[in-house]
C-alpha atoms as a PDB file:
ATOM      1  CA  MET A   1     121.122  84.794  67.765  1.00  0.00           C
ATOM      2  CA  GLN A   2     119.550  82.721  70.526  1.00  0.00           C
ATOM      3  CA  ASN A   3     117.486  84.641  73.056  1.00  0.00           C
ATOM      4  CA  GLU A   4     118.251  84.485  76.745  1.00  0.00           C
ATOM      5  CA  VAL A   5     115.523  83.660  79.257  1.00  0.00           C
ATOM      6  CA  LEU A   6     114.342  86.235  81.779  1.00  0.00           C
ATOM      7  CA  LYS A   7     112.422  84.909  84.809  1.00  0.00           C
ATOM      8  CA  LEU A   8     110.702  87.477  87.004  1.00  0.00           C
ATOM      9  CA  HIS A   9     108.790  87.168  90.262  1.00  0.00           C
ATOM     10  CA  ALA A  10     107.070  90.341  91.409  1.00  0.00           C
ATOM     11  CA  HIS A  11     105.106  91.787  94.311  1.00  0.00           C
ATOM     12  CA  CYS A  12     101.948  93.395  92.939  1.00  0.00           C
ATOM     13  CA  HIS A  13     100.270  96.737  93.401  1.00  0.00           C
ATOM     14  CA  ARG A  14      96.907  97.061  91.710  1.00  0.00           C
ATOM     15  CA  LYS A  15      95.785 100.454  90.470  1.00  0.00           C
ATOM     16  CA  ASN A  16      92.342  99.975  91.926  1.00  0.00           C
ATOM     17  CA  PRO A  17      89.741 102.728  92.109  1.00  0.00           C
ATOM     18  CA  LEU A  18      88.461 103.096  95.640  1.00  0.00           C
ATOM     19  CA  PRO A  19      84.862 103.840  96.596  1.00  0.00           C
ATOM     20  CA  ASP A  20      84.126 107.595  96.666  1.00  0.00           C
ATOM     21  CA  SER A  21      84.171 107.568 100.467  1.00  0.00           C
ATOM     22  CA  GLN A  22      87.767 106.258 100.482  1.00  0.00           C
ATOM     23  CA  LYS A  23      89.270 108.052  97.473  1.00  0.00           C
ATOM     24  CA  ASP A  24      92.772 109.378  97.869  1.00  0.00           C
ATOM     25  CA  ARG A  25      94.032 110.828  94.571  1.00  0.00           C
ATOM     26  CA  GLY A  26      96.929 108.830  93.208  1.00  0.00           C
ATOM     27  CA  HIS A  27      96.438 106.057  95.761  1.00  0.00           C
ATOM     28  CA  VAL A  28      97.651 102.602  94.813  1.00  0.00           C
ATOM     29  CA  ARG A  29      96.111  99.810  96.860  1.00  0.00           C
ATOM     30  CA  PRO A  30      98.713  97.099  97.528  1.00  0.00           C
ATOM     31  CA  GLU A  31      97.691  93.474  97.205  1.00  0.00           C
ATOM     32  CA  ARG A  32      99.490  90.524  98.710  1.00  0.00           C
ATOM     33  CA  LYS A  33     100.145  88.662  95.482  1.00  0.00           C
ATOM     34  CA  THR A  34     103.206  87.260  93.769  1.00  0.00           C
ATOM     35  CA  VAL A  35     103.272  86.615  90.040  1.00  0.00           C
ATOM     36  CA  SER A  36     105.764  84.992  87.690  1.00  0.00           C
ATOM     37  CA  PHE A  37     106.635  86.043  84.127  1.00  0.00           C
ATOM     38  CA  GLN A  38     108.996  84.019  81.940  1.00  0.00           C
ATOM     39  CA  ALA A  39     110.269  85.731  78.811  1.00  0.00           C
ATOM     40  CA  SER A  40     112.819  85.836  76.070  1.00  0.00           C
ATOM     41  CA  VAL A  41     115.206  88.779  76.201  1.00  0.00           C
ATOM     42  CA  ASN A  42     117.108  90.228  73.253  1.00  0.00           C
ATOM     43  CA  LEU A  43     120.611  90.016  74.731  1.00  0.00           C
ATOM     44  CA  PRO A  44     122.615  88.110  77.319  1.00  0.00           C
ATOM     45  CA  LEU A  45     122.276  89.550  80.820  1.00  0.00           C
ATOM     46  CA  GLU A  46     124.380  89.017  83.886  1.00  0.00           C
ATOM     47  CA  SER A  47     122.560  87.235  86.682  1.00  0.00           C
ATOM     48  CA  PHE A  48     120.862  89.644  89.095  1.00  0.00           C
ATOM     49  CA  THR A  49     118.314  89.702  91.888  1.00  0.00           C
ATOM     50  CA  SER A  50     115.824  92.434  92.706  1.00  0.00           C
ATOM     51  CA  ASP A  51     112.804  92.996  94.926  1.00  0.00           C
ATOM     52  CA  VAL A  52     110.534  94.367  92.190  1.00  0.00           C
ATOM     53  CA  THR A  53     107.065  95.887  92.266  1.00  0.00           C
ATOM     54  CA  LEU A  54     104.549  95.287  89.496  1.00  0.00           C
ATOM     55  CA  THR A  55     101.807  97.887  89.036  1.00  0.00           C
ATOM     56  CA  TYR A  56      98.739  96.875  87.010  1.00  0.00           C
ATOM     57  CA  SER A  57      95.077  97.789  86.540  1.00  0.00           C
ATOM     58  CA  SER A  58      93.278  94.459  86.230  1.00  0.00           C
ATOM     59  CA  GLU A  59      93.849  90.737  86.758  1.00  0.00           C
ATOM     60  CA  ASP A  60      93.528  90.396  82.976  1.00  0.00           C
ATOM     61  CA  ASP A  61      96.746  92.416  82.624  1.00  0.00           C
ATOM     62  CA  LEU A  62      98.620  89.463  84.138  1.00  0.00           C
ATOM     63  CA  THR A  63      97.478  86.775  81.713  1.00  0.00           C
ATOM     64  CA  GLY A  64      98.614  85.452  78.349  1.00  0.00           C
ATOM     65  CA  ASN A  65     101.574  86.382  76.193  1.00  0.00           C
ATOM     66  CA  ARG A  66     102.867  89.944  76.434  1.00  0.00           C
ATOM     67  CA  SER A  67     105.674  92.002  74.966  1.00  0.00           C
ATOM     68  CA  TYR A  68     107.787  94.346  77.076  1.00  0.00           C
ATOM     69  CA  ALA A  69     110.564  96.915  76.778  1.00  0.00           C
ATOM     70  CA  GLY A  70     112.720  98.646  79.324  1.00  0.00           C
ATOM     71  CA  THR A  71     116.054  98.915  81.043  1.00  0.00           C
ATOM     72  CA  VAL A  72     118.000  96.666  83.346  1.00  0.00           C
ATOM     73  CA  GLY A  73     120.363  99.261  84.739  1.00  0.00           C
ATOM     74  CA  LYS A  74     123.358  99.224  86.977  1.00  0.00           C
ATOM     75  CA  GLN A  75     121.165  99.592  90.052  1.00  0.00           C
ATOM     76  CA  THR A  76     117.519  99.406  88.881  1.00  0.00           C
ATOM     77  CA  ILE A  77     115.137  97.500  86.626  1.00  0.00           C
ATOM     78  CA  GLU A  78     112.253  99.209  84.807  1.00  0.00           C
ATOM     79  CA  LEU A  79     110.029  97.312  82.369  1.00  0.00           C
ATOM     80  CA  SER A  80     106.802  98.407  80.654  1.00  0.00           C
ATOM     81  CA  PHE A  81     104.421  95.832  79.196  1.00  0.00           C
ATOM     82  CA  ASN A  82     102.455  96.428  75.980  1.00  0.00           C
ATOM     83  CA  ASN A  83      99.129  96.203  77.816  1.00  0.00           C
ATOM     84  CA  GLY A  84      99.902  98.704  80.593  1.00  0.00           C
ATOM     85  CA  PRO A  85     101.615  97.092  83.609  1.00  0.00           C
ATOM     86  CA  ALA A  86     104.977  98.413  84.783  1.00  0.00           C
ATOM     87  CA  LEU A  87     107.659  96.616  86.768  1.00  0.00           C
ATOM     88  CA  THR A  88     110.249  98.575  88.772  1.00  0.00           C
ATOM     89  CA  GLY A  89     112.727  97.977  91.545  1.00  0.00           C
ATOM     90  CA  PRO A  90     116.286  98.330  92.766  1.00  0.00           C
ATOM     91  CA  LEU A  91     118.807  95.624  91.913  1.00  0.00           C
ATOM     92  CA  ASP A  92     120.385  93.903  94.886  1.00  0.00           C
ATOM     93  CA  ALA A  93     124.105  94.594  95.420  1.00  0.00           C
ATOM     94  CA  PRO A  94     126.392  94.428  93.572  1.00  0.00           C
ATOM     95  CA  GLY A  95     124.041  95.306  90.677  1.00  0.00           C
ATOM     96  CA  LEU A  96     125.273  95.044  87.095  1.00  0.00           C
ATOM     97  CA  ASP A  97     128.414  96.345  85.413  1.00  0.00           C
ATOM     98  CA  HIS A  98     126.423  98.399  82.891  1.00  0.00           C
ATOM     99  CA  ALA A  99     122.855  99.264  81.904  1.00  0.00           C
ATOM    100  CA  ASN A 100     121.053  97.300  79.166  1.00  0.00           C
ATOM    101  CA  SER A 101     118.004  98.196  77.078  1.00  0.00           C
ATOM    102  CA  VAL A 102     115.876  95.064  76.791  1.00  0.00           C
ATOM    103  CA  VAL A 103     112.895  93.979  74.700  1.00  0.00           C
ATOM    104  CA  GLY A 104     111.148  90.668  74.415  1.00  0.00           C
ATOM    105  CA  THR A 105     108.003  88.619  74.786  1.00  0.00           C
ATOM    106  CA  GLY A 106     106.879  86.211  77.439  1.00  0.00           C
ATOM    107  CA  SER A 107     103.973  84.751  79.311  1.00  0.00           C
ATOM    108  CA  TRP A 108     102.537  84.952  82.786  1.00  0.00           C
ATOM    109  CA  GLN A 109     103.177  81.551  84.345  1.00  0.00           C
ATOM    110  CA  HIS A 110     101.006  81.716  87.445  1.00  0.00           C
ATOM    111  CA  ALA A 111      99.665  83.996  90.118  1.00  0.00           C
ATOM    112  CA  VAL A 112      99.747  83.051  93.774  1.00  0.00           C
ATOM    113  CA  THR A 113      97.517  84.915  96.201  1.00  0.00           C
END
């Protein structure tokens, strides 16, 4: 079986500890960054678009080859990467006909600040 190609572009939110004077428990500091991840996926997917958010801890999380698993649902996408980052977001209308569990591997192509 030939793998399909999944191309993702995400807006990033870095889980970044703040200085003690600015700590807000559970706070996620948004960064203005867009990244690209190109991957194989284990099954054919319908074409979809989504404004996704990628949450990560360190710039190193967004480098090299990574495996992932998750769901591309009727109205949402949720992927978890083996090294910690998570990608979530609503699918743009009309969404997909049915939900799919997906797994695969890919690489971070570039990061644009």
